[in-house]
Amino acid sequence: MTTTTKRTFDVPARAEVSANNQQVFDSLQKGLGFVPNLYAYFAKSETALADYLTFQNRKSTLKAKEREVINLVVSQVNGCRYCLSAHTVLGKMNGFTDEQIIDLRNGSAGFDSKIDVLVKLAKSITVNRGRADEALVESFFEAGYTEANLVDLVIVIGDKIISNYIHNLTGFEIDFPLAEKI
């Protein structure tokens, strides 16, 4: 019988990444005040960090607050503690209370009917791998969302799945205040 040891995944320091990624690190350091471990880990690939940041920072028909709703819901479904921790901080920066963030993570938003529809549809799409109950899709449109919003909802879900999977596979250190387990 062979025994295996659990692999540890280290986050690279600036000096350990390519010159192109060092420039991205410098930009992140200037803009955020630090380089989040998730972004640093992407720099293990020559192109993934810049590609991911371009994807993540694209213009959207959804407001920042709505994107944070999606990020929290998808991260909860996928069980990504790193992203839940990061997006709890960002959710608060976008005006959500601790209680509202827990509600969102639990799949509802009783405090706002339009956001509640967004939460439920985002959760359904994620749980059902790209499918959702037709009534939820119709409720999304009845709440005032558009087909462009639907496209952007799926884009945000895809973005968050990428980062959730990276951390779930690697488990590198979480460099945000830990989100409450629920």
N, C-alpha and C. Protein backbone atom coordinates (compact mmCIF):
# COMPACT_ATOMS: atom_id res chain seq x y z
N MET A 1 0.85 -1.18 0.00
CA MET A 1 0.00 0.00 0.00
C MET A 1 0.89 1.24 0.00
N THR A 2 0.57 2.16 -0.88
CA THR A 2 1.34 3.41 -0.92
C THR A 2 0.60 4.49 -0.15
N THR A 3 1.37 5.30 0.48
CA THR A 3 0.78 6.43 1.17
C THR A 3 1.13 7.69 0.39
N THR A 4 0.19 8.57 0.35
CA THR A 4 0.43 9.83 -0.34
C THR A 4 0.37 10.95 0.67
N THR A 5 1.19 11.92 0.44
CA THR A 5 1.13 13.11 1.29
C THR A 5 0.35 14.16 0.54
N LYS A 6 -0.33 14.95 1.31
CA LYS A 6 -1.14 15.99 0.70
C LYS A 6 -0.22 17.08 0.14
N ARG A 7 -0.43 17.39 -1.08
CA ARG A 7 0.35 18.45 -1.75
C ARG A 7 -0.05 19.79 -1.15
N THR A 8 0.91 20.65 -0.96
CA THR A 8 0.60 22.02 -0.56
C THR A 8 0.85 22.93 -1.76
N PHE A 9 0.02 23.91 -1.88
CA PHE A 9 0.11 24.85 -2.98
C PHE A 9 0.52 26.20 -2.43
N ASP A 10 1.64 26.68 -2.91
CA ASP A 10 2.17 27.95 -2.44
C ASP A 10 1.81 29.07 -3.40
N VAL A 11 1.59 30.22 -2.82
CA VAL A 11 1.31 31.43 -3.59
C VAL A 11 2.66 32.05 -3.95
N PRO A 12 2.89 32.34 -5.22
CA PRO A 12 4.19 32.90 -5.59
C PRO A 12 4.36 34.36 -5.14
N ALA A 13 5.57 34.69 -4.77
CA ALA A 13 5.93 36.08 -4.47
C ALA A 13 6.22 36.79 -5.79
N ARG A 14 6.28 38.09 -5.74
CA ARG A 14 6.52 38.89 -6.94
C ARG A 14 7.77 38.43 -7.69
N ALA A 15 8.84 38.18 -6.97
CA ALA A 15 10.11 37.79 -7.59
C ALA A 15 10.04 36.43 -8.28
N GLU A 16 9.01 35.65 -7.99
CA GLU A 16 8.89 34.30 -8.55
C GLU A 16 8.02 34.22 -9.79
N VAL A 17 7.51 35.36 -10.25
CA VAL A 17 6.63 35.35 -11.43
C VAL A 17 7.30 36.08 -12.58
N SER A 18 6.74 35.93 -13.76
CA SER A 18 7.30 36.54 -14.97
C SER A 18 7.28 38.07 -14.89
N ALA A 19 8.04 38.69 -15.74
CA ALA A 19 8.10 40.16 -15.79
C ALA A 19 6.71 40.74 -16.08
N ASN A 20 5.96 40.11 -16.97
CA ASN A 20 4.61 40.59 -17.27
C ASN A 20 3.72 40.51 -16.04
N ASN A 21 3.80 39.40 -15.33
CA ASN A 21 2.99 39.24 -14.13
C ASN A 21 3.46 40.16 -13.01
N GLN A 22 4.76 40.46 -12.96
CA GLN A 22 5.26 41.42 -11.98
C GLN A 22 4.62 42.80 -12.20
N GLN A 23 4.43 43.17 -13.46
CA GLN A 23 3.76 44.45 -13.76
C GLN A 23 2.32 44.43 -13.26
N VAL A 24 1.64 43.30 -13.43
CA VAL A 24 0.27 43.18 -12.94
C VAL A 24 0.26 43.25 -11.41
N PHE A 25 1.20 42.57 -10.77
CA PHE A 25 1.32 42.63 -9.31
C PHE A 25 1.48 44.09 -8.87
N ASP A 26 2.35 44.83 -9.57
CA ASP A 26 2.60 46.23 -9.21
C ASP A 26 1.32 47.06 -9.33
N SER A 27 0.56 46.80 -10.37
CA SER A 27 -0.70 47.51 -10.58
C SER A 27 -1.71 47.16 -9.48
N LEU A 28 -1.79 45.89 -9.12
CA LEU A 28 -2.69 45.46 -8.04
C LEU A 28 -2.26 46.07 -6.71
N GLN A 29 -0.96 46.06 -6.45
CA GLN A 29 -0.43 46.64 -5.21
C GLN A 29 -0.81 48.11 -5.12
N LYS A 30 -0.67 48.81 -6.23
CA LYS A 30 -0.99 50.25 -6.26
C LYS A 30 -2.49 50.47 -6.07
N GLY A 31 -3.32 49.67 -6.74
CA GLY A 31 -4.76 49.87 -6.71
C GLY A 31 -5.45 49.35 -5.46
N LEU A 32 -4.99 48.20 -4.96
CA LEU A 32 -5.66 47.54 -3.84
C LEU A 32 -4.89 47.66 -2.52
N GLY A 33 -3.61 47.96 -2.64
CA GLY A 33 -2.77 48.02 -1.45
C GLY A 33 -2.12 46.67 -1.13
N PHE A 34 -2.47 45.64 -1.86
CA PHE A 34 -1.86 44.31 -1.72
C PHE A 34 -2.25 43.48 -2.94
N VAL A 35 -1.59 42.34 -3.09
CA VAL A 35 -1.93 41.39 -4.16
C VAL A 35 -2.63 40.22 -3.50
N PRO A 36 -3.95 40.11 -3.68
CA PRO A 36 -4.67 38.98 -3.08
C PRO A 36 -4.06 37.64 -3.54
N ASN A 37 -4.02 36.69 -2.63
CA ASN A 37 -3.43 35.39 -2.93
C ASN A 37 -4.06 34.71 -4.14
N LEU A 38 -5.36 34.88 -4.33
CA LEU A 38 -6.00 34.29 -5.51
C LEU A 38 -5.35 34.82 -6.79
N TYR A 39 -5.19 36.13 -6.88
CA TYR A 39 -4.59 36.72 -8.06
C TYR A 39 -3.14 36.28 -8.21
N ALA A 40 -2.42 36.25 -7.10
CA ALA A 40 -1.02 35.81 -7.15
C ALA A 40 -0.92 34.37 -7.66
N TYR A 41 -1.85 33.53 -7.23
CA TYR A 41 -1.80 32.14 -7.68
C TYR A 41 -2.02 32.04 -9.19
N PHE A 42 -2.90 32.86 -9.73
CA PHE A 42 -3.11 32.87 -11.19
C PHE A 42 -1.80 33.14 -11.93
N ALA A 43 -0.87 33.86 -11.29
CA ALA A 43 0.39 34.23 -11.93
C ALA A 43 1.33 33.04 -12.12
N LYS A 44 0.96 31.87 -11.63
CA LYS A 44 1.74 30.67 -11.93
C LYS A 44 1.68 30.39 -13.44
N SER A 45 0.66 30.90 -14.08
CA SER A 45 0.52 30.82 -15.54
C SER A 45 0.95 32.15 -16.13
N GLU A 46 1.61 32.10 -17.25
CA GLU A 46 2.09 33.34 -17.89
C GLU A 46 0.95 34.28 -18.25
N THR A 47 -0.19 33.74 -18.65
CA THR A 47 -1.27 34.61 -19.16
C THR A 47 -2.53 34.64 -18.31
N ALA A 48 -2.70 33.70 -17.40
CA ALA A 48 -3.98 33.56 -16.69
C ALA A 48 -4.33 34.78 -15.85
N LEU A 49 -3.36 35.39 -15.17
CA LEU A 49 -3.68 36.52 -14.30
C LEU A 49 -4.25 37.69 -15.10
N ALA A 50 -3.56 38.10 -16.13
CA ALA A 50 -4.06 39.23 -16.93
C ALA A 50 -5.37 38.87 -17.62
N ASP A 51 -5.48 37.65 -18.13
CA ASP A 51 -6.73 37.23 -18.77
C ASP A 51 -7.89 37.26 -17.78
N TYR A 52 -7.65 36.73 -16.58
CA TYR A 52 -8.72 36.67 -15.58
C TYR A 52 -9.13 38.08 -15.15
N LEU A 53 -8.17 38.95 -14.92
CA LEU A 53 -8.51 40.32 -14.50
C LEU A 53 -9.28 41.06 -15.60
N THR A 54 -8.92 40.83 -16.85
CA THR A 54 -9.67 41.44 -17.96
C THR A 54 -11.11 40.93 -17.95
N PHE A 55 -11.26 39.64 -17.79
CA PHE A 55 -12.58 39.01 -17.74
C PHE A 55 -13.38 39.54 -16.55
N GLN A 56 -12.76 39.56 -15.39
CA GLN A 56 -13.44 39.97 -14.17
C GLN A 56 -13.84 41.45 -14.19
N ASN A 57 -13.03 42.27 -14.81
CA ASN A 57 -13.25 43.72 -14.78
C ASN A 57 -13.97 44.26 -16.02
N ARG A 58 -14.55 43.39 -16.80
CA ARG A 58 -15.27 43.83 -18.00
C ARG A 58 -16.49 44.66 -17.60
N LYS A 59 -16.94 45.49 -18.53
CA LYS A 59 -18.16 46.27 -18.28
C LYS A 59 -19.34 45.32 -18.23
N SER A 60 -20.33 45.69 -17.44
CA SER A 60 -21.48 44.82 -17.23
C SER A 60 -22.75 45.66 -17.14
N THR A 61 -23.85 45.06 -17.51
CA THR A 61 -25.15 45.72 -17.33
C THR A 61 -25.62 45.60 -15.89
N LEU A 62 -24.94 44.77 -15.11
CA LEU A 62 -25.30 44.59 -13.70
C LEU A 62 -24.49 45.55 -12.84
N LYS A 63 -25.13 46.07 -11.82
CA LYS A 63 -24.46 46.97 -10.88
C LYS A 63 -23.48 46.16 -10.03
N ALA A 64 -22.50 46.86 -9.45
CA ALA A 64 -21.51 46.20 -8.59
C ALA A 64 -22.19 45.43 -7.46
N LYS A 65 -23.23 46.00 -6.88
CA LYS A 65 -23.94 45.35 -5.79
C LYS A 65 -24.59 44.04 -6.27
N GLU A 66 -25.14 44.05 -7.47
CA GLU A 66 -25.75 42.83 -8.02
C GLU A 66 -24.68 41.77 -8.31
N ARG A 67 -23.52 42.21 -8.79
CA ARG A 67 -22.44 41.25 -9.04
C ARG A 67 -21.97 40.62 -7.73
N GLU A 68 -21.93 41.41 -6.65
CA GLU A 68 -21.54 40.85 -5.35
C GLU A 68 -22.56 39.82 -4.87
N VAL A 69 -23.83 40.06 -5.13
CA VAL A 69 -24.87 39.08 -4.80
C VAL A 69 -24.55 37.75 -5.48
N ILE A 70 -24.28 37.80 -6.76
CA ILE A 70 -23.98 36.60 -7.54
C ILE A 70 -22.71 35.93 -7.00
N ASN A 71 -21.67 36.73 -6.74
CA ASN A 71 -20.41 36.18 -6.23
C ASN A 71 -20.62 35.43 -4.92
N LEU A 72 -21.42 35.99 -4.03
CA LEU A 72 -21.68 35.34 -2.74
C LEU A 72 -22.47 34.05 -2.91
N VAL A 73 -23.50 34.10 -3.74
CA VAL A 73 -24.35 32.92 -3.93
C VAL A 73 -23.56 31.78 -4.57
N VAL A 74 -22.84 32.08 -5.63
CA VAL A 74 -22.09 31.04 -6.34
C VAL A 74 -20.99 30.46 -5.43
N SER A 75 -20.31 31.32 -4.70
CA SER A 75 -19.25 30.85 -3.80
C SER A 75 -19.81 29.98 -2.69
N GLN A 76 -21.01 30.30 -2.22
CA GLN A 76 -21.65 29.47 -1.20
C GLN A 76 -22.00 28.10 -1.78
N VAL A 77 -22.60 28.08 -2.96
CA VAL A 77 -22.96 26.81 -3.60
C VAL A 77 -21.71 25.95 -3.81
N ASN A 78 -20.61 26.58 -4.23
CA ASN A 78 -19.38 25.85 -4.52
C ASN A 78 -18.50 25.63 -3.29
N GLY A 79 -18.91 26.15 -2.15
CA GLY A 79 -18.17 25.93 -0.92
C GLY A 79 -16.77 26.50 -0.92
N CYS A 80 -16.59 27.68 -1.51
CA CYS A 80 -15.26 28.30 -1.58
C CYS A 80 -15.10 29.33 -0.46
N ARG A 81 -14.39 28.95 0.56
CA ARG A 81 -14.21 29.84 1.72
C ARG A 81 -13.39 31.07 1.36
N TYR A 82 -12.43 30.94 0.46
CA TYR A 82 -11.63 32.10 0.05
C TYR A 82 -12.55 33.16 -0.56
N CYS A 83 -13.34 32.76 -1.54
CA CYS A 83 -14.20 33.73 -2.24
C CYS A 83 -15.31 34.24 -1.32
N LEU A 84 -15.83 33.40 -0.45
CA LEU A 84 -16.82 33.87 0.51
C LEU A 84 -16.22 34.94 1.41
N SER A 85 -14.98 34.74 1.82
CA SER A 85 -14.31 35.72 2.68
C SER A 85 -14.08 37.03 1.93
N ALA A 86 -13.55 36.94 0.72
CA ALA A 86 -13.28 38.15 -0.07
C ALA A 86 -14.59 38.89 -0.38
N HIS A 87 -15.62 38.15 -0.78
CA HIS A 87 -16.85 38.81 -1.19
C HIS A 87 -17.73 39.24 -0.02
N THR A 88 -17.47 38.73 1.16
CA THR A 88 -18.12 39.28 2.35
C THR A 88 -17.59 40.70 2.58
N VAL A 89 -16.28 40.88 2.45
CA VAL A 89 -15.68 42.22 2.57
C VAL A 89 -16.24 43.14 1.49
N LEU A 90 -16.25 42.65 0.25
CA LEU A 90 -16.74 43.48 -0.86
C LEU A 90 -18.24 43.74 -0.76
N GLY A 91 -18.98 42.76 -0.27
CA GLY A 91 -20.42 42.95 -0.07
C GLY A 91 -20.69 44.07 0.92
N LYS A 92 -19.92 44.11 2.01
CA LYS A 92 -20.07 45.18 2.99
C LYS A 92 -19.70 46.53 2.37
N MET A 93 -18.66 46.54 1.53
CA MET A 93 -18.27 47.77 0.85
C MET A 93 -19.37 48.26 -0.10
N ASN A 94 -20.21 47.33 -0.56
CA ASN A 94 -21.32 47.67 -1.45
C ASN A 94 -22.63 47.88 -0.70
N GLY A 95 -22.57 47.97 0.63
CA GLY A 95 -23.74 48.36 1.40
C GLY A 95 -24.54 47.27 2.06
N PHE A 96 -24.11 46.01 1.95
CA PHE A 96 -24.85 44.94 2.61
C PHE A 96 -24.41 44.82 4.06
N THR A 97 -25.36 44.50 4.93
CA THR A 97 -25.04 44.25 6.34
C THR A 97 -24.59 42.79 6.50
N ASP A 98 -24.05 42.47 7.67
CA ASP A 98 -23.66 41.08 7.94
C ASP A 98 -24.86 40.15 7.81
N GLU A 99 -26.00 40.57 8.32
CA GLU A 99 -27.20 39.74 8.26
C GLU A 99 -27.66 39.54 6.82
N GLN A 100 -27.60 40.58 6.01
CA GLN A 100 -28.00 40.47 4.62
C GLN A 100 -27.06 39.53 3.86
N ILE A 101 -25.78 39.59 4.17
CA ILE A 101 -24.82 38.71 3.50
C ILE A 101 -25.12 37.25 3.83
N ILE A 102 -25.45 36.97 5.07
CA ILE A 102 -25.83 35.59 5.46
C ILE A 102 -27.10 35.17 4.72
N ASP A 103 -28.08 36.08 4.63
CA ASP A 103 -29.30 35.77 3.87
C ASP A 103 -28.98 35.44 2.42
N LEU A 104 -28.14 36.26 1.81
CA LEU A 104 -27.76 36.03 0.41
C LEU A 104 -27.10 34.66 0.25
N ARG A 105 -26.17 34.36 1.14
CA ARG A 105 -25.48 33.07 1.08
C ARG A 105 -26.45 31.91 1.28
N ASN A 106 -27.50 32.14 2.06
CA ASN A 106 -28.52 31.11 2.28
C ASN A 106 -29.53 31.02 1.13
N GLY A 107 -29.42 31.91 0.14
CA GLY A 107 -30.26 31.80 -1.05
C GLY A 107 -31.50 32.65 -1.07
N SER A 108 -31.52 33.72 -0.28
CA SER A 108 -32.68 34.62 -0.33
C SER A 108 -32.26 36.04 0.02
N ALA A 109 -33.14 36.95 -0.30
CA ALA A 109 -32.92 38.37 0.01
C ALA A 109 -34.27 38.98 0.36
N GLY A 110 -34.80 38.61 1.51
CA GLY A 110 -36.10 39.12 1.96
C GLY A 110 -36.12 40.63 2.10
N PHE A 111 -34.97 41.24 2.16
CA PHE A 111 -34.86 42.69 2.31
C PHE A 111 -35.02 43.45 1.00
N ASP A 112 -35.05 42.74 -0.16
CA ASP A 112 -35.16 43.41 -1.46
C ASP A 112 -35.70 42.41 -2.48
N SER A 113 -36.92 42.65 -2.97
CA SER A 113 -37.57 41.66 -3.84
C SER A 113 -36.84 41.46 -5.17
N LYS A 114 -36.26 42.51 -5.74
CA LYS A 114 -35.54 42.36 -7.02
C LYS A 114 -34.26 41.55 -6.81
N ILE A 115 -33.53 41.84 -5.75
CA ILE A 115 -32.32 41.09 -5.45
C ILE A 115 -32.67 39.64 -5.12
N ASP A 116 -33.80 39.42 -4.46
CA ASP A 116 -34.23 38.06 -4.13
C ASP A 116 -34.38 37.21 -5.39
N VAL A 117 -34.94 37.78 -6.43
CA VAL A 117 -35.08 37.06 -7.71
C VAL A 117 -33.70 36.73 -8.28
N LEU A 118 -32.79 37.69 -8.21
CA LEU A 118 -31.43 37.49 -8.71
C LEU A 118 -30.73 36.37 -7.93
N VAL A 119 -30.86 36.38 -6.62
CA VAL A 119 -30.26 35.35 -5.77
C VAL A 119 -30.79 33.97 -6.16
N LYS A 120 -32.07 33.85 -6.25
CA LYS A 120 -32.68 32.55 -6.53
C LYS A 120 -32.29 32.02 -7.91
N LEU A 121 -32.26 32.91 -8.91
CA LEU A 121 -31.88 32.46 -10.25
C LEU A 121 -30.40 32.10 -10.30
N ALA A 122 -29.55 32.92 -9.71
CA ALA A 122 -28.10 32.62 -9.70
C ALA A 122 -27.84 31.28 -9.02
N LYS A 123 -28.51 31.05 -7.91
CA LYS A 123 -28.32 29.79 -7.20
C LYS A 123 -28.80 28.61 -8.05
N SER A 124 -29.96 28.75 -8.66
CA SER A 124 -30.52 27.67 -9.48
C SER A 124 -29.61 27.36 -10.67
N ILE A 125 -29.12 28.38 -11.33
CA ILE A 125 -28.22 28.17 -12.48
C ILE A 125 -26.96 27.44 -12.04
N THR A 126 -26.42 27.83 -10.89
CA THR A 126 -25.18 27.22 -10.41
C THR A 126 -25.41 25.78 -9.98
N VAL A 127 -26.43 25.56 -9.18
CA VAL A 127 -26.73 24.21 -8.70
C VAL A 127 -27.05 23.27 -9.86
N ASN A 128 -27.76 23.78 -10.85
CA ASN A 128 -28.23 22.95 -11.98
C ASN A 128 -27.33 23.03 -13.20
N ARG A 129 -26.11 23.53 -13.01
CA ARG A 129 -25.08 23.58 -14.06
C ARG A 129 -25.59 24.19 -15.37
N GLY A 130 -26.12 25.40 -15.25
CA GLY A 130 -26.51 26.14 -16.44
C GLY A 130 -27.98 26.05 -16.80
N ARG A 131 -28.72 25.37 -15.98
CA ARG A 131 -30.16 25.28 -16.22
C ARG A 131 -30.87 25.90 -15.02
N ALA A 132 -32.11 26.30 -15.24
CA ALA A 132 -32.91 26.87 -14.15
C ALA A 132 -34.38 26.64 -14.45
N ASP A 133 -35.15 26.63 -13.40
CA ASP A 133 -36.59 26.52 -13.53
C ASP A 133 -37.10 27.68 -14.38
N GLU A 134 -37.97 27.39 -15.33
CA GLU A 134 -38.50 28.43 -16.22
C GLU A 134 -39.21 29.53 -15.44
N ALA A 135 -39.86 29.18 -14.35
CA ALA A 135 -40.56 30.19 -13.54
C ALA A 135 -39.56 31.18 -12.94
N LEU A 136 -38.38 30.71 -12.55
CA LEU A 136 -37.35 31.62 -12.02
C LEU A 136 -36.84 32.56 -13.10
N VAL A 137 -36.65 32.02 -14.31
CA VAL A 137 -36.20 32.86 -15.42
C VAL A 137 -37.26 33.92 -15.72
N GLU A 138 -38.50 33.52 -15.73
CA GLU A 138 -39.58 34.47 -16.00
C GLU A 138 -39.67 35.52 -14.88
N SER A 139 -39.50 35.11 -13.64
CA SER A 139 -39.51 36.06 -12.52
C SER A 139 -38.38 37.08 -12.65
N PHE A 140 -37.24 36.64 -13.15
CA PHE A 140 -36.10 37.52 -13.39
C PHE A 140 -36.49 38.66 -14.34
N PHE A 141 -37.16 38.30 -15.44
CA PHE A 141 -37.59 39.32 -16.40
C PHE A 141 -38.71 40.18 -15.83
N GLU A 142 -39.62 39.57 -15.10
CA GLU A 142 -40.72 40.32 -14.49
C GLU A 142 -40.21 41.32 -13.45
N ALA A 143 -39.05 41.04 -12.85
CA ALA A 143 -38.46 41.95 -11.86
C ALA A 143 -37.79 43.15 -12.51
N GLY A 144 -37.73 43.14 -13.85
CA GLY A 144 -37.15 44.28 -14.56
C GLY A 144 -35.80 44.01 -15.20
N TYR A 145 -35.30 42.80 -15.06
CA TYR A 145 -34.03 42.46 -15.70
C TYR A 145 -34.26 42.20 -17.18
N THR A 146 -33.18 42.31 -17.97
CA THR A 146 -33.24 42.16 -19.42
C THR A 146 -32.45 40.93 -19.87
N GLU A 147 -32.54 40.64 -21.15
CA GLU A 147 -31.74 39.54 -21.69
C GLU A 147 -30.25 39.86 -21.59
N ALA A 148 -29.87 41.12 -21.74
CA ALA A 148 -28.47 41.51 -21.55
C ALA A 148 -28.05 41.23 -20.11
N ASN A 149 -28.94 41.49 -19.16
CA ASN A 149 -28.64 41.16 -17.75
C ASN A 149 -28.47 39.66 -17.56
N LEU A 150 -29.27 38.86 -18.28
CA LEU A 150 -29.15 37.40 -18.18
C LEU A 150 -27.78 36.95 -18.67
N VAL A 151 -27.33 37.50 -19.79
CA VAL A 151 -26.00 37.18 -20.31
C VAL A 151 -24.94 37.55 -19.27
N ASP A 152 -25.04 38.75 -18.70
CA ASP A 152 -24.06 39.19 -17.72
C ASP A 152 -24.13 38.37 -16.43
N LEU A 153 -25.31 37.92 -16.05
CA LEU A 153 -25.45 37.03 -14.90
C LEU A 153 -24.63 35.76 -15.12
N VAL A 154 -24.76 35.17 -16.28
CA VAL A 154 -24.03 33.94 -16.58
C VAL A 154 -22.52 34.20 -16.64
N ILE A 155 -22.12 35.34 -17.17
CA ILE A 155 -20.69 35.71 -17.20
C ILE A 155 -20.13 35.80 -15.77
N VAL A 156 -20.87 36.45 -14.87
CA VAL A 156 -20.40 36.58 -13.48
C VAL A 156 -20.36 35.20 -12.81
N ILE A 157 -21.34 34.36 -13.07
CA ILE A 157 -21.32 33.00 -12.53
C ILE A 157 -20.06 32.27 -13.02
N GLY A 158 -19.77 32.37 -14.32
CA GLY A 158 -18.59 31.72 -14.88
C GLY A 158 -17.30 32.22 -14.25
N ASP A 159 -17.20 33.53 -14.08
CA ASP A 159 -16.04 34.14 -13.44
C ASP A 159 -15.85 33.55 -12.05
N LYS A 160 -16.93 33.49 -11.28
CA LYS A 160 -16.81 33.04 -9.90
C LYS A 160 -16.52 31.55 -9.84
N ILE A 161 -17.06 30.77 -10.75
CA ILE A 161 -16.75 29.34 -10.78
C ILE A 161 -15.25 29.14 -10.99
N ILE A 162 -14.64 29.91 -11.87
CA ILE A 162 -13.20 29.80 -12.10
C ILE A 162 -12.43 29.99 -10.80
N SER A 163 -12.70 31.08 -10.11
CA SER A 163 -11.93 31.35 -8.89
C SER A 163 -12.29 30.36 -7.78
N ASN A 164 -13.55 29.96 -7.67
CA ASN A 164 -13.95 28.95 -6.68
C ASN A 164 -13.18 27.65 -6.91
N TYR A 165 -13.12 27.21 -8.14
CA TYR A 165 -12.47 25.94 -8.45
C TYR A 165 -10.97 26.02 -8.18
N ILE A 166 -10.35 27.14 -8.54
CA ILE A 166 -8.90 27.30 -8.28
C ILE A 166 -8.63 27.14 -6.79
N HIS A 167 -9.39 27.85 -5.94
CA HIS A 167 -9.11 27.75 -4.52
C HIS A 167 -9.53 26.40 -3.95
N ASN A 168 -10.65 25.87 -4.39
CA ASN A 168 -11.08 24.57 -3.87
C ASN A 168 -10.06 23.47 -4.19
N LEU A 169 -9.38 23.58 -5.33
CA LEU A 169 -8.37 22.59 -5.70
C LEU A 169 -7.05 22.77 -4.95
N THR A 170 -6.73 24.01 -4.60
CA THR A 170 -5.40 24.30 -4.05
C THR A 170 -5.40 24.57 -2.55
N GLY A 171 -6.41 25.25 -2.05
CA GLY A 171 -6.51 25.54 -0.63
C GLY A 171 -5.43 26.46 -0.09
N PHE A 172 -4.86 27.31 -0.93
CA PHE A 172 -3.84 28.24 -0.43
C PHE A 172 -4.44 29.17 0.62
N GLU A 173 -3.57 29.85 1.34
CA GLU A 173 -3.98 30.68 2.48
C GLU A 173 -4.99 31.76 2.09
N ILE A 174 -5.99 31.92 2.93
CA ILE A 174 -7.00 32.97 2.76
C ILE A 174 -6.46 34.25 3.40
N ASP A 175 -6.37 35.30 2.61
CA ASP A 175 -5.79 36.56 3.08
C ASP A 175 -6.85 37.66 3.27
N PHE A 176 -8.04 37.26 3.63
CA PHE A 176 -9.14 38.15 4.00
C PHE A 176 -9.66 37.67 5.34
N PRO A 177 -10.39 38.53 6.08
CA PRO A 177 -11.03 38.04 7.30
C PRO A 177 -11.94 36.86 6.94
N LEU A 178 -11.84 35.77 7.68
CA LEU A 178 -12.60 34.57 7.35
C LEU A 178 -14.10 34.79 7.43
N ALA A 179 -14.79 34.38 6.39
CA ALA A 179 -16.25 34.44 6.38
C ALA A 179 -16.79 33.40 7.36
N GLU A 180 -17.88 33.76 7.98
CA GLU A 180 -18.55 32.86 8.91
C GLU A 180 -19.00 31.60 8.17
N LYS A 181 -18.83 30.45 8.81
CA LYS A 181 -19.34 29.20 8.23
C LYS A 181 -20.84 29.14 8.50
N ILE A 182 -21.60 28.75 7.49
CA ILE A 182 -23.05 28.57 7.67
C ILE A 182 -23.46 27.23 7.09
